């Protein structure tokens, strides 16, 4: 039976030296020490925050108005039903944004004078919609287009609110994709063309796979923002999570439903945020100085 104090031996007979064992033991002790310090400091800060807020004169009123547990449970089913609309809008918009944004990025990177009108259109589009506030675009499309009473166009507010999200976010995503495409070294294109690939094949099989892989972390960050901004369609009267919380609040002027909506949005956003951090670490976006927790 092996002595636990002796260093382990691998299958090929290699055994770490005594110095290496000491280094590993020191690192384990430092990891445990850092974890304990982080845990204690977190508990201390939370206690100070709770005690500080709880000792304020207006805290009882705030707790009754914003953190009523019974009122929160009562409003949860209605707000969650509204959140399901936000999720559907976000999924459909995300698919359209990727398609439209990638198309704009490709148009921006086309070469040759014959493609100048397409490049100019893509550049003008991204400039305009990146400068316009998203809320203003939602108002213009949600109230302006149905007022035209054009035949064949839908009048549902959720459709035009989603269209505003797609138009605005496509301009940002297009620039992300364009940065990824231009980050691919020109020698990659030259090598592909020398092998007989056409321009379209080079873009599809050589450039785009590398570009998409490189821009995945910032692209996921845009979708995190999209999850939150999908709640802005509530200004058009759509019964989403925020609008549902507003209607619940109007019954008794208790703002706990807003807190419930905020908690649900946070619970929806955290998984994608953690996925973004994971992908960023895998691709080396966070350096030796440390990344997000």
C-alpha atoms as a PDB file:
ATOM      1  CA  UNK A   1       0.000   0.000   0.000  1.00  0.00           C
ATOM      2  CA  UNK A   2       1.406   3.378  -1.035  1.00  0.00           C
ATOM      3  CA  UNK A   3       2.286   5.920   1.628  1.00  0.00           C
ATOM      4  CA  UNK A   4       0.077   9.004   1.073  1.00  0.00           C
ATOM      5  CA  UNK A   5       3.055  11.248   1.879  1.00  0.00           C
ATOM      6  CA  UNK A   6       5.003   9.855  -1.070  1.00  0.00           C
ATOM      7  CA  UNK A   7       4.541  11.578  -4.445  1.00  0.00           C
ATOM      8  CA  UNK A   8       2.290   9.776  -6.892  1.00  0.00           C
ATOM      9  CA  UNK A   9       3.847   7.900  -9.798  1.00  0.00           C
ATOM     10  CA  UNK A  10       2.364   8.196 -13.280  1.00  0.00           C
ATOM     11  CA  UNK A  11       1.906   5.350 -15.729  1.00  0.00           C
ATOM     12  CA  UNK A  12       5.195   6.096 -17.472  1.00  0.00           C
ATOM     13  CA  UNK A  13       7.130   6.035 -14.209  1.00  0.00           C
ATOM     14  CA  UNK A  14       7.508   9.796 -13.808  1.00  0.00           C
ATOM     15  CA  UNK A  15       7.427  11.093 -10.252  1.00  0.00           C
ATOM     16  CA  UNK A  16       7.302  14.807  -9.317  1.00  0.00           C
ATOM     17  CA  UNK A  17      10.240  16.074  -7.329  1.00  0.00           C
ATOM     18  CA  UNK A  18      10.051  17.102  -3.706  1.00  0.00           C
ATOM     19  CA  UNK A  19      10.278  20.769  -4.740  1.00  0.00           C
ATOM     20  CA  UNK A  20       7.371  20.356  -7.132  1.00  0.00           C
ATOM     21  CA  UNK A  21       5.332  18.715  -4.393  1.00  0.00           C
ATOM     22  CA  UNK A  22       6.022  21.649  -2.106  1.00  0.00           C
ATOM     23  CA  UNK A  23       4.977  24.075  -4.807  1.00  0.00           C
ATOM     24  CA  UNK A  24       1.704  22.236  -5.385  1.00  0.00           C
ATOM     25  CA  UNK A  25       1.004  22.110  -1.651  1.00  0.00           C
ATOM     26  CA  UNK A  26       1.706  25.847  -1.346  1.00  0.00           C
ATOM     27  CA  UNK A  27      -0.656  26.610  -4.217  1.00  0.00           C
ATOM     28  CA  UNK A  28      -3.398  24.512  -2.616  1.00  0.00           C
ATOM     29  CA  UNK A  29      -2.937  26.341   0.680  1.00  0.00           C
ATOM     30  CA  UNK A  30      -3.054  29.706  -1.094  1.00  0.00           C
ATOM     31  CA  UNK A  31      -6.217  28.702  -2.948  1.00  0.00           C
ATOM     32  CA  UNK A  32      -7.936  27.673   0.284  1.00  0.00           C
ATOM     33  CA  UNK A  33      -6.728  30.858   2.016  1.00  0.00           C
ATOM     34  CA  UNK A  34      -7.974  33.060  -0.825  1.00  0.00           C
ATOM     35  CA  UNK A  35     -11.352  31.325  -0.815  1.00  0.00           C
ATOM     36  CA  UNK A  36     -11.751  31.808   2.931  1.00  0.00           C
ATOM     37  CA  UNK A  37     -10.787  35.481   2.746  1.00  0.00           C
ATOM     38  CA  UNK A  38     -13.186  36.064  -0.160  1.00  0.00           C
ATOM     39  CA  UNK A  39     -16.022  34.321   1.677  1.00  0.00           C
ATOM     40  CA  UNK A  40     -15.480  36.195   4.938  1.00  0.00           C
ATOM     41  CA  UNK A  41     -15.143  39.569   3.224  1.00  0.00           C
ATOM     42  CA  UNK A  42     -18.316  38.944   1.211  1.00  0.00           C
ATOM     43  CA  UNK A  43     -20.291  38.060   4.331  1.00  0.00           C
ATOM     44  CA  UNK A  44     -18.977  41.150   6.132  1.00  0.00           C
ATOM     45  CA  UNK A  45     -19.939  43.457   3.263  1.00  0.00           C
ATOM     46  CA  UNK A  46     -23.418  41.929   2.992  1.00  0.00           C
ATOM     47  CA  UNK A  47     -23.974  42.283   6.730  1.00  0.00           C
ATOM     48  CA  UNK A  48     -22.887  45.923   6.639  1.00  0.00           C
ATOM     49  CA  UNK A  49     -25.173  46.657   3.699  1.00  0.00           C
ATOM     50  CA  UNK A  50     -28.174  44.942   5.304  1.00  0.00           C
ATOM     51  CA  UNK A  51     -27.592  46.634   8.660  1.00  0.00           C
ATOM     52  CA  UNK A  52     -27.010  50.025   7.009  1.00  0.00           C
ATOM     53  CA  UNK A  53     -30.142  49.881   4.867  1.00  0.00           C
ATOM     54  CA  UNK A  54     -32.257  48.346   7.611  1.00  0.00           C
ATOM     55  CA  UNK A  55     -31.372  51.130  10.037  1.00  0.00           C
ATOM     56  CA  UNK A  56     -32.621  53.921   7.767  1.00  0.00           C
ATOM     57  CA  UNK A  57     -35.882  55.631   8.832  1.00  0.00           C
ATOM     58  CA  UNK A  58     -37.715  54.859   5.590  1.00  0.00           C
ATOM     59  CA  UNK A  59     -36.777  51.195   5.337  1.00  0.00           C
ATOM     60  CA  UNK A  60     -40.060  49.795   6.797  1.00  0.00           C
ATOM     61  CA  UNK A  61     -42.056  51.705   4.199  1.00  0.00           C
ATOM     62  CA  UNK A  62     -39.702  50.650   1.390  1.00  0.00           C
ATOM     63  CA  UNK A  63     -39.842  47.011   2.483  1.00  0.00           C
ATOM     64  CA  UNK A  64     -43.629  47.100   2.487  1.00  0.00           C
ATOM     65  CA  UNK A  65     -43.823  48.810  -0.909  1.00  0.00           C
ATOM     66  CA  UNK A  66     -41.041  47.053  -2.842  1.00  0.00           C
ATOM     67  CA  UNK A  67     -40.304  43.781  -1.061  1.00  0.00           C
ATOM     68  CA  UNK A  68     -43.674  42.373  -0.048  1.00  0.00           C
ATOM     69  CA  UNK A  69     -43.152  38.606  -0.376  1.00  0.00           C
ATOM     70  CA  UNK A  70     -46.845  37.750  -0.476  1.00  0.00           C
ATOM     71  CA  UNK A  71     -47.505  40.365  -3.158  1.00  0.00           C
ATOM     72  CA  UNK A  72     -44.527  39.085  -5.120  1.00  0.00           C
ATOM     73  CA  UNK A  73     -45.787  35.503  -5.155  1.00  0.00           C
ATOM     74  CA  UNK A  74     -49.206  36.745  -6.203  1.00  0.00           C
ATOM     75  CA  UNK A  75     -47.800  38.689  -9.158  1.00  0.00           C
ATOM     76  CA  UNK A  76     -45.250  36.035 -10.209  1.00  0.00           C
ATOM     77  CA  UNK A  77     -47.504  33.994 -12.574  1.00  0.00           C
ATOM     78  CA  UNK A  78     -48.683  37.081 -14.445  1.00  0.00           C
ATOM     79  CA  UNK A  79     -45.186  38.559 -14.778  1.00  0.00           C
ATOM     80  CA  UNK A  80     -43.740  35.177 -15.796  1.00  0.00           C
ATOM     81  CA  UNK A  81     -46.366  34.891 -18.524  1.00  0.00           C
ATOM     82  CA  UNK A  82     -45.279  38.284 -19.817  1.00  0.00           C
ATOM     83  CA  UNK A  83     -41.636  37.193 -19.663  1.00  0.00           C
ATOM     84  CA  UNK A  84     -42.441  34.318 -22.007  1.00  0.00           C
ATOM     85  CA  UNK A  85     -43.299  36.937 -24.644  1.00  0.00           C
ATOM     86  CA  UNK A  86     -39.926  38.618 -24.032  1.00  0.00           C
ATOM     87  CA  UNK A  87     -38.174  35.286 -24.538  1.00  0.00           C
ATOM     88  CA  UNK A  88     -39.957  34.610 -27.816  1.00  0.00           C
ATOM     89  CA  UNK A  89     -39.243  38.116 -29.094  1.00  0.00           C
ATOM     90  CA  UNK A  90     -35.601  37.790 -28.123  1.00  0.00           C
ATOM     91  CA  UNK A  91     -35.145  34.431 -29.873  1.00  0.00           C
ATOM     92  CA  UNK A  92     -36.784  35.527 -33.128  1.00  0.00           C
ATOM     93  CA  UNK A  93     -34.961  38.870 -33.122  1.00  0.00           C
ATOM     94  CA  UNK A  94     -31.602  37.224 -32.386  1.00  0.00           C
ATOM     95  CA  UNK A  95     -31.921  34.960 -35.428  1.00  0.00           C
ATOM     96  CA  UNK A  96     -32.884  37.852 -37.702  1.00  0.00           C
ATOM     97  CA  UNK A  97     -30.148  40.079 -36.256  1.00  0.00           C
ATOM     98  CA  UNK A  98     -27.443  37.489 -36.981  1.00  0.00           C
ATOM     99  CA  UNK A  99     -28.639  37.059 -40.582  1.00  0.00           C
ATOM    100  CA  UNK A 100     -29.086  40.775 -41.277  1.00  0.00           C
ATOM    101  CA  UNK A 101     -25.950  41.837 -39.395  1.00  0.00           C
ATOM    102  CA  UNK A 102     -23.767  39.290 -41.192  1.00  0.00           C
ATOM    103  CA  UNK A 103     -25.184  40.403 -44.541  1.00  0.00           C
ATOM    104  CA  UNK A 104     -24.363  44.033 -43.772  1.00  0.00           C
ATOM    105  CA  UNK A 105     -20.850  43.093 -42.678  1.00  0.00           C
ATOM    106  CA  UNK A 106     -20.244  41.203 -45.918  1.00  0.00           C
ATOM    107  CA  UNK A 107     -21.522  44.172 -47.924  1.00  0.00           C
ATOM    108  CA  UNK A 108     -19.149  46.471 -46.014  1.00  0.00           C
ATOM    109  CA  UNK A 109     -16.169  44.275 -46.898  1.00  0.00           C
ATOM    110  CA  UNK A 110     -16.876  43.797 -50.613  1.00  0.00           C
ATOM    111  CA  UNK A 111     -14.012  45.017 -52.762  1.00  0.00           C
ATOM    112  CA  UNK A 112     -14.011  46.727 -56.108  1.00  0.00           C
ATOM    113  CA  UNK A 113     -15.628  49.948 -57.416  1.00  0.00           C
ATOM    114  CA  UNK A 114     -18.678  48.094 -58.728  1.00  0.00           C
ATOM    115  CA  UNK A 115     -19.732  47.308 -55.158  1.00  0.00           C
ATOM    116  CA  UNK A 116     -19.429  50.919 -53.968  1.00  0.00           C
ATOM    117  CA  UNK A 117     -23.238  51.478 -53.771  1.00  0.00           C
ATOM    118  CA  UNK A 118     -23.612  48.400 -51.559  1.00  0.00           C
ATOM    119  CA  UNK A 119     -20.731  49.462 -49.330  1.00  0.00           C
ATOM    120  CA  UNK A 120     -22.181  52.963 -49.077  1.00  0.00           C
ATOM    121  CA  UNK A 121     -25.631  51.600 -48.156  1.00  0.00           C
ATOM    122  CA  UNK A 122     -24.201  49.322 -45.450  1.00  0.00           C
ATOM    123  CA  UNK A 123     -22.051  52.118 -44.026  1.00  0.00           C
ATOM    124  CA  UNK A 124     -24.938  54.593 -44.000  1.00  0.00           C
ATOM    125  CA  UNK A 125     -27.241  52.051 -42.381  1.00  0.00           C
ATOM    126  CA  UNK A 126     -24.843  51.235 -39.553  1.00  0.00           C
ATOM    127  CA  UNK A 127     -24.078  54.920 -38.961  1.00  0.00           C
ATOM    128  CA  UNK A 128     -27.737  55.949 -38.790  1.00  0.00           C
ATOM    129  CA  UNK A 129     -29.054  53.175 -36.570  1.00  0.00           C
ATOM    130  CA  UNK A 130     -26.096  53.269 -34.209  1.00  0.00           C
ATOM    131  CA  UNK A 131     -26.758  56.962 -33.627  1.00  0.00           C
ATOM    132  CA  UNK A 132     -30.527  56.695 -33.123  1.00  0.00           C
ATOM    133  CA  UNK A 133     -31.707  55.777 -29.602  1.00  0.00           C
ATOM    134  CA  UNK A 134     -33.431  52.403 -29.538  1.00  0.00           C
ATOM    135  CA  UNK A 135     -36.450  53.810 -27.732  1.00  0.00           C
ATOM    136  CA  UNK A 136     -36.918  56.423 -30.465  1.00  0.00           C
ATOM    137  CA  UNK A 137     -36.815  53.732 -33.174  1.00  0.00           C
ATOM    138  CA  UNK A 138     -39.429  51.733 -31.259  1.00  0.00           C
ATOM    139  CA  UNK A 139     -41.693  54.787 -31.087  1.00  0.00           C
ATOM    140  CA  UNK A 140     -41.234  55.623 -34.771  1.00  0.00           C
ATOM    141  CA  UNK A 141     -41.982  52.105 -35.986  1.00  0.00           C
ATOM    142  CA  UNK A 142     -44.533  51.114 -33.361  1.00  0.00           C
ATOM    143  CA  UNK A 143     -46.691  54.221 -33.724  1.00  0.00           C
ATOM    144  CA  UNK A 144     -45.688  55.622 -37.099  1.00  0.00           C
ATOM    145  CA  UNK A 145     -45.966  52.633 -39.428  1.00  0.00           C
ATOM    146  CA  UNK A 146     -49.458  51.471 -38.284  1.00  0.00           C
ATOM    147  CA  UNK A 147     -50.650  55.093 -38.646  1.00  0.00           C
ATOM    148  CA  UNK A 148     -49.872  54.907 -42.376  1.00  0.00           C
ATOM    149  CA  UNK A 149     -52.607  52.261 -42.745  1.00  0.00           C
ATOM    150  CA  UNK A 150     -50.783  50.506 -45.560  1.00  0.00           C
ATOM    151  CA  UNK A 151     -52.449  47.407 -46.899  1.00  0.00           C
ATOM    152  CA  UNK A 152     -50.649  44.139 -46.370  1.00  0.00           C
ATOM    153  CA  UNK A 153     -48.598  45.367 -43.410  1.00  0.00           C
ATOM    154  CA  UNK A 154     -49.323  44.018 -39.933  1.00  0.00           C
ATOM    155  CA  UNK A 155     -50.423  46.416 -37.230  1.00  0.00           C
ATOM    156  CA  UNK A 156     -49.405  44.377 -34.175  1.00  0.00           C
ATOM    157  CA  UNK A 157     -47.244  46.404 -31.824  1.00  0.00           C
ATOM    158  CA  UNK A 158     -45.079  43.418 -30.898  1.00  0.00           C
ATOM    159  CA  UNK A 159     -44.059  42.955 -34.542  1.00  0.00           C
ATOM    160  CA  UNK A 160     -42.934  46.558 -34.990  1.00  0.00           C
ATOM    161  CA  UNK A 161     -41.262  46.581 -31.594  1.00  0.00           C
ATOM    162  CA  UNK A 162     -39.306  43.507 -32.634  1.00  0.00           C
ATOM    163  CA  UNK A 163     -38.513  45.143 -35.989  1.00  0.00           C
ATOM    164  CA  UNK A 164     -37.036  48.126 -34.135  1.00  0.00           C
ATOM    165  CA  UNK A 165     -34.836  45.763 -32.104  1.00  0.00           C
ATOM    166  CA  UNK A 166     -33.684  44.003 -35.270  1.00  0.00           C
ATOM    167  CA  UNK A 167     -32.891  47.230 -37.147  1.00  0.00           C
ATOM    168  CA  UNK A 168     -30.967  48.772 -34.258  1.00  0.00           C
ATOM    169  CA  UNK A 169     -29.039  45.734 -33.084  1.00  0.00           C
ATOM    170  CA  UNK A 170     -28.168  44.673 -36.629  1.00  0.00           C
ATOM    171  CA  UNK A 171     -26.070  47.818 -36.973  1.00  0.00           C
ATOM    172  CA  UNK A 172     -24.014  46.879 -33.900  1.00  0.00           C
ATOM    173  CA  UNK A 173     -23.726  43.208 -34.811  1.00  0.00           C
ATOM    174  CA  UNK A 174     -22.689  44.146 -38.353  1.00  0.00           C
ATOM    175  CA  UNK A 175     -19.711  46.074 -36.992  1.00  0.00           C
ATOM    176  CA  UNK A 176     -18.783  43.131 -34.767  1.00  0.00           C
ATOM    177  CA  UNK A 177     -18.847  40.776 -37.743  1.00  0.00           C
ATOM    178  CA  UNK A 178     -16.933  43.259 -39.897  1.00  0.00           C
ATOM    179  CA  UNK A 179     -14.202  43.495 -37.274  1.00  0.00           C
ATOM    180  CA  UNK A 180     -13.944  39.712 -37.279  1.00  0.00           C
ATOM    181  CA  UNK A 181     -13.790  39.518 -41.084  1.00  0.00           C
ATOM    182  CA  UNK A 182     -11.111  42.186 -41.332  1.00  0.00           C
ATOM    183  CA  UNK A 183      -9.083  40.508 -38.563  1.00  0.00           C
ATOM    184  CA  UNK A 184      -8.455  37.514 -40.838  1.00  0.00           C
ATOM    185  CA  UNK A 185      -5.013  37.979 -42.390  1.00  0.00           C
ATOM    186  CA  UNK A 186      -5.019  38.665 -46.170  1.00  0.00           C
ATOM    187  CA  UNK A 187      -2.683  35.713 -46.647  1.00  0.00           C
ATOM    188  CA  UNK A 188      -5.620  33.449 -45.775  1.00  0.00           C
ATOM    189  CA  UNK A 189      -7.565  34.794 -48.734  1.00  0.00           C
ATOM    190  CA  UNK A 190      -4.542  34.585 -51.017  1.00  0.00           C
ATOM    191  CA  UNK A 191      -3.883  30.978 -50.008  1.00  0.00           C
ATOM    192  CA  UNK A 192      -7.496  30.030 -50.624  1.00  0.00           C
ATOM    193  CA  UNK A 193      -7.550  31.699 -54.033  1.00  0.00           C
ATOM    194  CA  UNK A 194      -4.284  30.018 -54.982  1.00  0.00           C
ATOM    195  CA  UNK A 195      -5.960  26.663 -54.300  1.00  0.00           C
ATOM    196  CA  UNK A 196      -8.667  27.492 -56.821  1.00  0.00           C
ATOM    197  CA  UNK A 197     -11.431  28.664 -54.506  1.00  0.00           C
ATOM    198  CA  UNK A 198     -13.700  31.409 -55.767  1.00  0.00           C
ATOM    199  CA  UNK A 199     -14.306  34.597 -53.792  1.00  0.00           C
ATOM    200  CA  UNK A 200     -17.593  33.218 -52.460  1.00  0.00           C
ATOM    201  CA  UNK A 201     -15.984  29.911 -51.469  1.00  0.00           C
ATOM    202  CA  UNK A 202     -13.106  31.719 -49.802  1.00  0.00           C
ATOM    203  CA  UNK A 203     -15.529  33.810 -47.798  1.00  0.00           C
ATOM    204  CA  UNK A 204     -17.662  30.830 -46.828  1.00  0.00           C
ATOM    205  CA  UNK A 205     -15.035  28.195 -46.018  1.00  0.00           C
ATOM    206  CA  UNK A 206     -11.997  30.247 -44.948  1.00  0.00           C
ATOM    207  CA  UNK A 207     -12.847  33.773 -43.785  1.00  0.00           C
ATOM    208  CA  UNK A 208     -16.240  33.496 -42.089  1.00  0.00           C
ATOM    209  CA  UNK A 209     -15.445  30.457 -39.871  1.00  0.00           C
ATOM    210  CA  UNK A 210     -12.408  32.246 -38.427  1.00  0.00           C
ATOM    211  CA  UNK A 211     -14.230  35.574 -38.132  1.00  0.00           C
ATOM    212  CA  UNK A 212     -17.255  34.154 -36.306  1.00  0.00           C
ATOM    213  CA  UNK A 213     -15.051  32.239 -33.877  1.00  0.00           C
ATOM    214  CA  UNK A 214     -13.076  35.366 -33.032  1.00  0.00           C
ATOM    215  CA  UNK A 215     -16.079  37.624 -32.435  1.00  0.00           C
ATOM    216  CA  UNK A 216     -18.158  35.142 -30.439  1.00  0.00           C
ATOM    217  CA  UNK A 217     -17.577  36.806 -27.001  1.00  0.00           C
ATOM    218  CA  UNK A 218     -18.618  40.349 -28.083  1.00  0.00           C
ATOM    219  CA  UNK A 219     -21.467  38.854 -30.099  1.00  0.00           C
ATOM    220  CA  UNK A 220     -22.803  37.075 -27.017  1.00  0.00           C
ATOM    221  CA  UNK A 221     -22.499  40.343 -25.092  1.00  0.00           C
ATOM    222  CA  UNK A 222     -24.790  41.995 -27.636  1.00  0.00           C
ATOM    223  CA  UNK A 223     -27.333  39.233 -27.100  1.00  0.00           C
ATOM    224  CA  UNK A 224     -27.149  39.775 -23.345  1.00  0.00           C
ATOM    225  CA  UNK A 225     -28.124  43.402 -23.992  1.00  0.00           C
ATOM    226  CA  UNK A 226     -30.853  42.232 -26.369  1.00  0.00           C
ATOM    227  CA  UNK A 227     -32.391  40.142 -23.595  1.00  0.00           C
ATOM    228  CA  UNK A 228     -32.715  43.217 -21.415  1.00  0.00           C
ATOM    229  CA  UNK A 229     -33.797  45.633 -24.152  1.00  0.00           C
ATOM    230  CA  UNK A 230     -36.572  43.308 -25.282  1.00  0.00           C
ATOM    231  CA  UNK A 231     -38.501  44.765 -22.345  1.00  0.00           C
ATOM    232  CA  UNK A 232     -38.629  48.162 -24.081  1.00  0.00           C
ATOM    233  CA  UNK A 233     -41.439  46.959 -26.324  1.00  0.00           C
ATOM    234  CA  UNK A 234     -43.673  47.511 -23.285  1.00  0.00           C
ATOM    235  CA  UNK A 235     -43.880  51.207 -24.254  1.00  0.00           C
ATOM    236  CA  UNK A 236     -46.076  50.143 -27.195  1.00  0.00           C
ATOM    237  CA  UNK A 237     -48.624  48.564 -24.864  1.00  0.00           C
ATOM    238  CA  UNK A 238     -47.434  44.997 -25.390  1.00  0.00           C
ATOM    239  CA  UNK A 239     -48.139  42.813 -22.343  1.00  0.00           C
ATOM    240  CA  UNK A 240     -44.617  41.630 -21.622  1.00  0.00           C
ATOM    241  CA  UNK A 241     -43.010  41.195 -18.207  1.00  0.00           C
ATOM    242  CA  UNK A 242     -42.569  44.917 -17.576  1.00  0.00           C
ATOM    243  CA  UNK A 243     -46.042  45.844 -18.779  1.00  0.00           C
ATOM    244  CA  UNK A 244     -47.554  43.026 -16.730  1.00  0.00           C
ATOM    245  CA  UNK A 245     -45.696  44.304 -13.656  1.00  0.00           C
ATOM    246  CA  UNK A 246     -46.999  47.799 -14.374  1.00  0.00           C
ATOM    247  CA  UNK A 247     -50.591  46.573 -14.545  1.00  0.00           C
ATOM    248  CA  UNK A 248     -50.162  44.621 -11.325  1.00  0.00           C
ATOM    249  CA  UNK A 249     -48.706  47.686  -9.630  1.00  0.00           C
ATOM    250  CA  UNK A 250     -51.631  49.837 -10.748  1.00  0.00           C
ATOM    251  CA  UNK A 251     -54.020  47.710  -8.684  1.00  0.00           C
ATOM    252  CA  UNK A 252     -52.641  48.656  -5.259  1.00  0.00           C
ATOM    253  CA  UNK A 253     -49.597  50.894  -5.975  1.00  0.00           C
ATOM    254  CA  UNK A 254     -47.293  48.238  -4.578  1.00  0.00           C
ATOM    255  CA  UNK A 255     -44.063  48.120  -6.613  1.00  0.00           C
ATOM    256  CA  UNK A 256     -43.108  44.560  -5.709  1.00  0.00           C
ATOM    257  CA  UNK A 257     -44.148  43.254  -9.185  1.00  0.00           C
ATOM    258  CA  UNK A 258     -41.404  45.435 -10.700  1.00  0.00           C
ATOM    259  CA  UNK A 259     -38.879  43.758  -8.411  1.00  0.00           C
ATOM    260  CA  UNK A 260     -40.229  40.364  -9.491  1.00  0.00           C
ATOM    261  CA  UNK A 261     -39.807  41.332 -13.152  1.00  0.00           C
ATOM    262  CA  UNK A 262     -36.245  42.470 -12.449  1.00  0.00           C
ATOM    263  CA  UNK A 263     -35.400  39.184 -10.733  1.00  0.00           C
ATOM    264  CA  UNK A 264     -36.789  37.202 -13.663  1.00  0.00           C
ATOM    265  CA  UNK A 265     -34.756  39.248 -16.159  1.00  0.00           C
ATOM    266  CA  UNK A 266     -31.610  38.695 -14.096  1.00  0.00           C
ATOM    267  CA  UNK A 267     -32.293  34.957 -13.931  1.00  0.00           C
ATOM    268  CA  UNK A 268     -32.740  34.968 -17.714  1.00  0.00           C
ATOM    269  CA  UNK A 269     -29.566  36.940 -18.405  1.00  0.00           C
ATOM    270  CA  UNK A 270     -27.090  35.273 -16.025  1.00  0.00           C
ATOM    271  CA  UNK A 271     -26.756  31.958 -17.962  1.00  0.00           C
ATOM    272  CA  UNK A 272     -25.856  33.762 -21.195  1.00  0.00           C
ATOM    273  CA  UNK A 273     -23.458  36.032 -19.298  1.00  0.00           C
ATOM    274  CA  UNK A 274     -21.669  33.037 -17.801  1.00  0.00           C
ATOM    275  CA  UNK A 275     -21.542  31.422 -21.250  1.00  0.00           C
ATOM    276  CA  UNK A 276     -19.963  34.603 -22.611  1.00  0.00           C
ATOM    277  CA  UNK A 277     -17.295  34.551 -19.900  1.00  0.00           C
ATOM    278  CA  UNK A 278     -16.592  30.873 -20.571  1.00  0.00           C
ATOM    279  CA  UNK A 279     -16.180  31.402 -24.310  1.00  0.00           C
ATOM    280  CA  UNK A 280     -14.007  34.464 -23.702  1.00  0.00           C
ATOM    281  CA  UNK A 281     -11.705  32.506 -21.388  1.00  0.00           C
ATOM    282  CA  UNK A 282     -11.453  29.648 -23.871  1.00  0.00           C
ATOM    283  CA  UNK A 283     -10.345  32.095 -26.557  1.00  0.00           C
ATOM    284  CA  UNK A 284      -7.932  33.969 -24.308  1.00  0.00           C
ATOM    285  CA  UNK A 285      -9.848  37.258 -24.125  1.00  0.00           C
ATOM    286  CA  UNK A 286      -9.072  37.557 -20.427  1.00  0.00           C
ATOM    287  CA  UNK A 287      -5.405  37.974 -19.700  1.00  0.00           C
ATOM    288  CA  UNK A 288      -3.254  37.056 -16.751  1.00  0.00           C
ATOM    289  CA  UNK A 289      -4.670  39.924 -14.743  1.00  0.00           C
ATOM    290  CA  UNK A 290      -7.873  37.940 -14.222  1.00  0.00           C
ATOM    291  CA  UNK A 291     -11.325  38.001 -15.666  1.00  0.00           C
ATOM    292  CA  UNK A 292     -14.793  38.312 -14.336  1.00  0.00           C
ATOM    293  CA  UNK A 293     -15.921  36.057 -11.551  1.00  0.00           C
END
